[in-house]
Protein backbone atom coordinates (compact mmCIF):
# COMPACT_ATOMS: atom_id res chain seq x y z
CA MET A 1 43.07 -81.71 17.44
CA GLY A 2 42.26 -77.95 17.98
CA ASP A 3 45.43 -78.23 20.32
CA THR A 4 48.04 -78.80 18.16
CA THR A 5 50.57 -77.59 17.16
CA LEU A 6 50.91 -76.10 13.41
CA LEU A 7 53.95 -78.61 12.11
CA GLU A 8 51.88 -81.33 13.65
CA ALA A 9 48.58 -80.23 12.01
CA THR A 10 50.31 -79.94 7.90
CA THR A 11 51.93 -83.12 8.70
CA ARG A 12 48.78 -85.26 9.96
CA TYR A 13 46.69 -83.52 7.27
CA GLU A 14 49.42 -83.79 4.17
CA ALA A 15 49.11 -87.74 5.58
CA TRP A 16 45.89 -87.77 5.30
CA LEU A 17 45.15 -85.92 1.93
CA ALA A 18 48.08 -89.12 0.48
CA GLU A 19 45.27 -91.47 1.61
CA GLN A 20 42.99 -89.90 -0.16
CA LEU A 21 44.63 -89.51 -3.91
CA GLU A 22 48.27 -89.98 -5.29
CA ILE A 23 50.76 -86.06 -4.08
CA VAL A 24 53.32 -84.31 -6.14
CA PRO A 25 56.27 -84.20 -3.82
CA GLU A 26 57.73 -81.00 -5.72
CA ASP A 27 54.51 -79.65 -6.02
CA LEU A 28 53.92 -80.23 -2.33
CA THR A 29 57.67 -78.96 -1.44
CA ARG A 30 56.52 -75.63 -2.77
CA LYS A 31 53.58 -75.77 -1.42
CA HIS A 32 55.54 -75.19 1.94
CA VAL A 33 57.91 -72.57 0.81
CA GLU A 34 54.46 -70.23 -0.62
CA MET A 35 53.28 -70.52 2.89
CA THR A 36 56.36 -68.75 4.30
CA LYS A 37 56.18 -65.23 2.32
CA ALA A 38 52.40 -63.95 3.42
CA ALA A 39 50.20 -64.22 5.66
CA PHE A 40 47.47 -64.33 2.86
CA PRO A 41 49.20 -66.48 0.57
CA PHE A 42 49.18 -68.59 3.65
CA LEU A 43 45.89 -68.89 4.73
CA ARG A 44 44.80 -69.89 1.16
CA ALA A 45 47.79 -72.83 1.37
CA THR A 46 46.01 -73.27 5.02
CA PHE A 47 42.16 -74.45 4.76
CA TYR A 48 43.20 -76.84 6.94
CA ARG A 49 44.32 -75.49 9.66
CA TRP A 50 41.68 -72.92 9.03
CA ALA A 51 39.41 -75.39 9.81
CA GLU A 52 40.75 -76.84 12.73
CA GLN A 53 40.73 -73.72 15.12
CA TRP A 54 37.55 -71.94 13.55
CA PRO A 55 35.64 -73.14 16.09
CA SER A 56 37.37 -72.92 19.32
CA ALA A 57 38.38 -69.48 17.79
CA CYS A 58 34.50 -68.36 17.31
CA PRO A 59 32.93 -70.22 19.93
CA GLU A 60 29.48 -68.04 19.72
CA LEU A 61 29.26 -68.82 15.70
CA LEU A 62 28.28 -72.06 15.15
CA ASN A 63 24.84 -71.50 17.01
CA ALA A 64 24.25 -70.63 12.81
CA THR A 65 22.04 -72.66 10.63
CA ARG A 66 24.22 -75.00 9.02
CA VAL A 67 24.07 -74.68 5.34
CA VAL A 68 26.61 -76.13 2.44
CA SER A 69 29.41 -73.84 2.34
CA ILE A 70 32.64 -72.41 0.35
CA GLY A 71 34.96 -72.68 3.02
CA ASP A 72 38.13 -71.98 1.83
CA LEU A 73 36.63 -68.73 0.70
CA HIS A 74 38.50 -65.45 -0.01
CA VAL A 75 39.03 -62.57 -1.92
CA GLU A 76 40.58 -63.96 -4.73
CA ASN A 77 38.67 -66.81 -5.23
CA PHE A 78 36.24 -65.13 -7.59
CA GLY A 79 37.09 -65.37 -10.91
CA THR A 80 34.83 -65.52 -14.40
CA TRP A 81 33.93 -68.04 -17.09
CA ARG A 82 31.62 -68.03 -20.39
CA ASP A 83 27.50 -69.30 -19.42
CA ALA A 84 25.64 -71.54 -21.65
CA GLU A 85 24.97 -68.18 -23.57
CA GLY A 86 28.66 -67.36 -24.37
CA ARG A 87 28.29 -64.56 -21.19
CA LEU A 88 31.12 -63.50 -19.28
CA ILE A 89 29.93 -64.18 -16.03
CA TRP A 90 31.51 -63.13 -12.56
CA GLY A 91 32.14 -65.33 -9.48
CA VAL A 92 33.66 -67.85 -7.21
CA ASN A 93 34.80 -70.26 -9.02
CA ASP A 94 36.53 -72.93 -6.61
CA PHE A 95 34.42 -75.30 -4.38
CA ASP A 96 37.62 -77.23 -3.41
CA GLU A 97 36.24 -76.99 0.27
CA CYS A 98 33.07 -76.86 -0.01
CA PHE A 99 31.30 -78.69 3.45
CA PRO A 100 28.06 -77.90 5.33
CA LEU A 101 28.85 -75.54 7.91
CA PRO A 102 26.82 -72.54 10.12
CA TRP A 103 26.62 -69.79 7.31
CA THR A 104 28.96 -67.18 9.62
CA HIS A 105 31.69 -69.62 8.53
CA ASP A 106 32.15 -68.38 5.36
CA LEU A 107 31.09 -64.31 6.71
CA VAL A 108 34.37 -64.28 8.64
CA ARG A 109 36.57 -66.22 6.20
CA LEU A 110 35.99 -64.24 3.58
CA SER A 111 36.59 -61.04 5.74
CA THR A 112 39.69 -62.02 7.59
CA SER A 113 41.48 -62.68 3.51
CA ALA A 114 40.46 -58.43 3.72
CA LEU A 115 42.27 -57.80 6.51
CA LEU A 116 44.76 -59.44 5.90
CA ALA A 117 45.15 -58.31 2.13
CA ILE A 118 44.34 -55.09 3.88
CA ASP A 119 47.39 -55.65 6.39
CA ALA A 120 49.45 -56.56 2.78
CA GLN A 121 48.57 -53.32 1.59
CA ARG A 122 46.96 -55.42 -1.39
CA LEU A 123 43.61 -53.51 -0.55
CA SER A 124 42.92 -50.56 1.34
CA VAL A 125 39.56 -49.72 1.67
CA LYS A 126 39.48 -49.67 5.80
CA ARG A 127 38.97 -52.79 8.13
CA ALA A 128 35.22 -52.40 9.14
CA GLU A 129 34.35 -50.92 5.90
CA ALA A 130 35.15 -54.69 4.07
CA CYS A 131 34.00 -56.37 6.74
CA THR A 132 30.26 -53.90 5.72
CA ALA A 133 30.50 -54.06 2.52
CA ILE A 134 30.79 -58.18 2.95
CA LEU A 135 27.53 -58.25 4.89
CA SER A 136 25.50 -55.64 2.82
CA GLY A 137 26.05 -57.30 0.01
CA TYR A 138 25.52 -61.06 1.53
CA THR A 139 22.11 -59.38 3.26
CA GLU A 140 21.13 -57.94 0.16
CA SER A 141 21.89 -61.28 -2.18
CA LEU A 142 19.29 -63.11 0.21
CA THR A 143 16.82 -60.74 0.62
CA THR A 144 16.87 -60.39 -3.28
CA ARG A 145 16.98 -64.59 -3.25
CA GLY A 146 19.86 -63.55 -5.36
CA GLU A 147 21.53 -62.68 -8.68
CA PRO A 148 24.00 -63.55 -11.67
CA PHE A 149 26.62 -61.84 -11.59
CA VAL A 150 26.35 -61.85 -15.55
CA LEU A 151 29.21 -58.64 -17.00
CA ALA A 152 27.12 -58.14 -20.31
CA GLU A 153 24.31 -55.81 -19.48
CA LYS A 154 24.82 -54.96 -16.30
CA ASN A 155 27.82 -54.27 -13.33
CA ARG A 156 29.72 -51.69 -15.16
CA ARG A 157 32.79 -51.89 -12.73
CA LEU A 158 32.65 -55.46 -12.58
CA ARG A 159 33.01 -55.55 -16.16
CA LYS A 160 35.53 -53.06 -16.28
CA ILE A 161 38.01 -55.11 -13.93
CA ALA A 162 36.97 -58.84 -15.87
CA VAL A 163 38.33 -56.65 -19.13
CA GLU A 164 41.03 -55.80 -17.85
CA ARG A 165 42.71 -58.73 -17.76
CA LEU A 166 41.80 -60.18 -20.72
CA ARG A 167 44.05 -57.38 -22.21
CA ASP A 168 47.04 -60.02 -23.33
CA PRO A 169 45.79 -64.03 -24.57
CA GLY A 170 48.57 -64.38 -25.88
CA ALA A 171 50.66 -64.21 -22.48
CA PHE A 172 47.79 -66.72 -21.20
CA TRP A 173 48.25 -69.15 -23.87
CA ALA A 174 52.49 -68.94 -24.15
CA LYS A 175 52.40 -70.02 -20.38
CA LEU A 176 50.22 -73.11 -21.41
CA ASP A 177 52.08 -73.86 -24.17
CA ALA A 178 55.97 -73.28 -22.29
CA LEU A 179 54.40 -76.58 -20.04
CA PRO A 180 56.69 -79.61 -20.55
CA THR A 181 55.40 -82.01 -22.13
CA TRP A 182 54.25 -85.06 -19.34
CA THR A 183 55.86 -87.95 -20.46
CA GLY A 184 54.16 -89.83 -16.77
CA SER A 185 50.90 -91.69 -16.58
CA VAL A 186 47.97 -90.53 -16.57
CA PRO A 187 44.79 -91.76 -14.66
CA GLU A 188 41.85 -92.97 -17.23
CA SER A 189 39.49 -91.22 -15.22
CA ALA A 190 42.07 -88.06 -15.55
CA LEU A 191 41.64 -89.02 -19.07
CA THR A 192 38.40 -89.47 -20.07
CA ALA A 193 37.25 -86.67 -18.00
CA LEU A 194 39.22 -84.29 -20.28
CA ARG A 195 38.20 -85.97 -23.81
CA GLU A 196 34.27 -85.96 -22.38
CA SER A 197 34.36 -81.96 -22.05
CA LEU A 198 36.68 -81.82 -25.84
CA PRO A 199 34.23 -80.73 -28.62
CA ASP A 200 35.62 -83.87 -30.66
CA PRO A 201 36.57 -86.77 -28.01
CA ALA A 202 39.12 -87.17 -30.61
CA LEU A 203 41.32 -84.53 -30.98
CA ALA A 204 44.65 -84.96 -31.00
CA CYS A 205 46.06 -83.20 -27.60
CA ARG A 206 49.33 -82.66 -25.78
CA ILE A 207 48.95 -83.07 -22.74
CA VAL A 208 50.77 -80.49 -19.43
CA HIS A 209 50.66 -80.89 -15.93
CA ARG A 210 49.77 -78.06 -14.49
CA VAL A 211 51.09 -76.48 -11.24
CA ALA A 212 48.63 -73.36 -9.96
CA GLY A 213 46.51 -72.83 -6.61
CA LEU A 214 48.18 -72.60 -3.70
CA GLY A 215 45.30 -75.00 -1.16
CA SER A 216 45.44 -77.15 -4.36
CA LEU A 217 49.08 -77.69 -4.62
CA GLY A 218 50.08 -80.89 -4.02
CA ARG A 219 47.23 -82.12 -6.42
CA HIS A 220 47.92 -83.55 -10.23
CA ARG A 221 46.79 -80.59 -12.70
CA PHE A 222 46.20 -82.70 -16.16
CA VAL A 223 46.16 -80.48 -18.87
CA ALA A 224 44.80 -81.23 -22.97
CA LEU A 225 46.32 -78.19 -25.20
CA ALA A 226 44.84 -78.50 -28.95
CA ASP A 227 44.39 -76.62 -31.96
CA PHE A 228 40.01 -75.72 -32.98
CA ARG A 229 38.90 -74.58 -35.85
CA GLY A 230 41.65 -72.26 -36.42
CA GLY A 231 42.16 -71.60 -32.27
CA ARG A 232 43.67 -72.80 -29.28
CA ILE A 233 42.05 -74.55 -26.86
CA ALA A 234 42.52 -75.81 -22.94
CA ARG A 235 40.81 -77.62 -20.16
CA GLU A 236 42.29 -78.88 -16.86
CA SER A 237 41.52 -82.03 -14.65
CA LYS A 238 42.40 -81.61 -10.86
CA ALA A 239 42.22 -84.39 -8.23
CA TRP A 240 39.49 -83.75 -6.21
CA ALA A 241 39.45 -85.04 -2.34
CA PRO A 242 36.93 -84.20 0.30
CA SER A 243 36.69 -80.92 1.99
CA ALA A 244 39.58 -80.28 4.83
CA CYS A 245 36.58 -79.68 7.12
CA ALA A 246 36.07 -83.91 7.08
CA TRP A 247 39.60 -84.25 8.21
CA ALA A 248 39.29 -81.55 10.80
CA THR A 249 36.00 -83.31 12.06
CA ALA A 250 37.20 -87.31 11.18
CA GLN A 251 34.16 -87.80 8.99
CA SER A 252 35.22 -90.60 6.80
CA GLU A 253 32.35 -90.47 4.67
CA LYS A 254 33.59 -88.75 0.37
CA VAL A 255 30.94 -86.61 0.12
CA ARG A 256 30.97 -83.94 -3.13
CA TYR A 257 28.79 -80.93 -1.25
CA SER A 258 30.32 -78.80 -4.43
CA ASP A 259 27.45 -80.64 -5.99
CA ARG A 260 24.30 -79.27 -4.74
CA ILE A 261 25.65 -75.41 -5.44
CA LEU A 262 26.77 -76.56 -9.01
CA CYS A 263 23.13 -77.48 -9.63
CA ASP A 264 21.19 -74.76 -8.04
CA ALA A 265 22.18 -71.86 -6.83
CA PRO A 266 21.00 -68.95 -8.64
CA ARG A 267 23.76 -68.82 -10.98
CA ALA A 268 24.83 -68.72 -14.97
CA HIS A 269 26.95 -71.28 -14.23
CA ASP A 270 29.63 -72.12 -16.11
CA PRO A 271 28.64 -74.65 -18.51
CA PHE A 272 32.50 -77.09 -18.23
CA LEU A 273 32.86 -77.00 -14.86
CA LYS A 274 31.90 -81.08 -14.21
CA ALA A 275 33.02 -83.30 -10.74
CA SER A 276 33.71 -86.95 -11.32
CA PRO A 277 34.31 -88.43 -8.41
CA ALA A 278 37.90 -88.09 -8.63
CA TRP A 279 38.63 -84.85 -10.71
CA THR A 280 37.02 -81.67 -11.05
CA THR A 281 36.93 -80.47 -15.21
CA ARG A 282 37.06 -77.37 -15.86
CA ARG A 283 38.05 -74.99 -19.61
CA LEU A 284 40.49 -72.83 -19.69
CA ALA A 285 41.39 -70.16 -20.98
CA PRO A 286 42.53 -66.10 -20.56
CA ASP A 287 38.72 -65.11 -20.34
CA CYS A 288 38.10 -68.60 -17.33
CA ALA A 289 40.53 -68.01 -14.86
CA ARG A 290 40.33 -66.89 -11.30
CA ILE A 291 41.28 -62.82 -11.01
CA GLU A 292 44.08 -62.41 -7.88
CA LEU A 293 44.09 -58.72 -6.55
CA GLY A 294 47.33 -58.09 -8.37
CA GLU A 295 44.80 -58.10 -11.73
CA LEU A 296 43.34 -55.41 -10.72
CA PRO A 297 42.77 -52.33 -12.51
CA ALA A 298 44.18 -49.41 -9.91
CA GLU A 299 41.22 -47.39 -9.65
CA ARG A 300 38.74 -50.10 -8.47
CA ASP A 301 36.17 -49.27 -5.99
CA GLU A 302 37.42 -51.92 -3.63
CA PRO A 303 33.58 -51.16 -1.13
CA ARG A 304 31.73 -52.48 -4.24
CA LEU A 305 33.93 -55.28 -5.27
CA LEU A 306 33.22 -57.03 -1.16
CA GLU A 307 30.44 -56.15 -1.74
CA ALA A 308 30.00 -58.14 -5.14
CA MET A 309 31.39 -60.99 -2.84
CA GLY A 310 29.84 -60.37 -0.40
CA PHE A 311 26.56 -60.93 -3.12
CA GLU A 312 27.60 -64.16 -4.74
CA LEU A 313 28.12 -65.77 -1.72
CA GLY A 314 24.41 -64.84 -0.58
CA ASN A 315 24.12 -66.38 -3.79
CA LEU A 316 25.46 -70.00 -2.90
CA HIS A 317 24.21 -70.09 -0.01
CA LEU A 318 21.28 -70.05 -0.92
CA ALA A 319 21.29 -72.99 -2.72
CA ASP A 320 20.48 -75.21 0.81
CA PRO A 321 17.17 -74.59 1.40
CA ASN A 322 18.11 -74.19 5.12
CA ALA A 323 19.31 -70.80 4.04
CA ALA A 324 15.95 -69.67 4.50
CA ASN A 325 16.64 -69.06 8.00
CA VAL A 326 19.65 -67.10 7.31
CA LEU A 327 17.85 -63.59 7.53
CA GLY A 328 16.34 -63.98 10.54
CA GLU A 329 19.69 -64.86 12.69
CA LEU A 330 21.41 -62.05 10.82
CA GLN A 331 19.27 -59.15 12.74
CA ASP A 332 20.12 -61.24 15.83
CA ARG A 333 23.41 -60.44 15.01
CA SER A 334 24.66 -57.54 17.32
CA ALA A 335 26.57 -54.91 15.66
CA GLY A 336 30.47 -55.65 14.51
CA TRP A 337 30.13 -59.35 15.20
CA LEU A 338 31.51 -59.98 11.86
CA LEU A 339 34.79 -57.58 12.53
CA ASP A 340 35.88 -58.85 15.46
CA ALA A 341 35.76 -62.38 14.60
CA ALA A 342 37.41 -61.39 11.54
CA LYS A 343 39.93 -59.06 13.87
CA ARG A 344 40.68 -62.88 16.14
CA MET A 345 40.72 -65.20 12.85
CA SER A 346 43.09 -62.79 11.04
CA LYS A 347 45.14 -62.67 14.40
CA LEU A 348 45.45 -66.07 14.73
CA VAL A 349 46.59 -67.02 10.96
CA SER A 350 49.61 -63.87 11.69
CA SER A 351 50.38 -65.68 14.19
CA ASP A 352 51.33 -69.01 12.72
CA TRP A 353 52.26 -67.70 9.97
CA GLU A 354 55.28 -65.86 12.30
CA SER A 355 55.73 -69.82 13.43
CA TRP A 356 55.78 -71.65 10.01
CA ARG A 357 58.12 -69.24 9.21
CA ALA A 358 60.41 -69.33 12.41
CA SER A 359 60.20 -73.05 12.56
CA GLY A 360 61.49 -73.59 8.59
CA ALA A 361 60.03 -76.06 7.94
CA ALA A 362 59.37 -74.92 4.36
CA ARG A 363 63.26 -75.77 3.76
């Protein structure tokens, strides 16, 4: 598949995806438009292309130990949630593309996204400094066997970022309330997942259809909105499909690799995040959402933020017993290997983005 053009890859992947779940055509069209806007959103929207290309672009990294990986990791795949104790937690919050990959993969993917964000002036840190910070955090996490990012007592800088985002819950609920009631059919499995996630399965609720994300545009997202004991609550069920890595490697078995991470990683887990065969269900709230770069406060320590992202990646890789081999392999890597690979991949992504814009495919 590595020799296919971008348009061919997109057509083939979307045809494959349509065999896995019901596609929402208008959302897929929106995704094609979003892909034209800049290289960073293009990266987020086209993990299938990355999965197809990265093995041939970084062959020297393929012999690394395989661990269950995030796959579609990038600097905007981090957010907050509340754990079972009600504490505010920060970390990776999207596991749609989990797949067994060399441990090098997620580091290169995260670093590439940082370089593209720097190119777009969404981060101001230097390229080499960004990769160094990510790798430093990852190494520390594996060395110390990881630690959750609990924002109640520790992680003051991350807490400031999270609190900055939580200042206007009214706008959050107004956005959800503005969505029209869904009048189409809702799969019984989705309704069951939503009902089971509510504090009372019989609670009166309104079902809406939400459009969000980039990589998952084209999939159904059903949201149950309800009033409960003096306040608003929301639950979302998003359609699940195997990782694009399964498509890129012609794997036919539908395996949900994220289950291992959600159970075994040294994290303070989201008790509302549930996986069923066809849906991923979670709580939606102002304190339970992804944090975009544009939402970060003007004053922030970007190297420390990227270091935290690397540390959190280590937390997730530690869910795999094979992670015990990674520290030794890290020491065998030459200096600058991560920056070199991220530069190669960012150049490849930027070239594909230019090709997509020139093709007029979004029109």
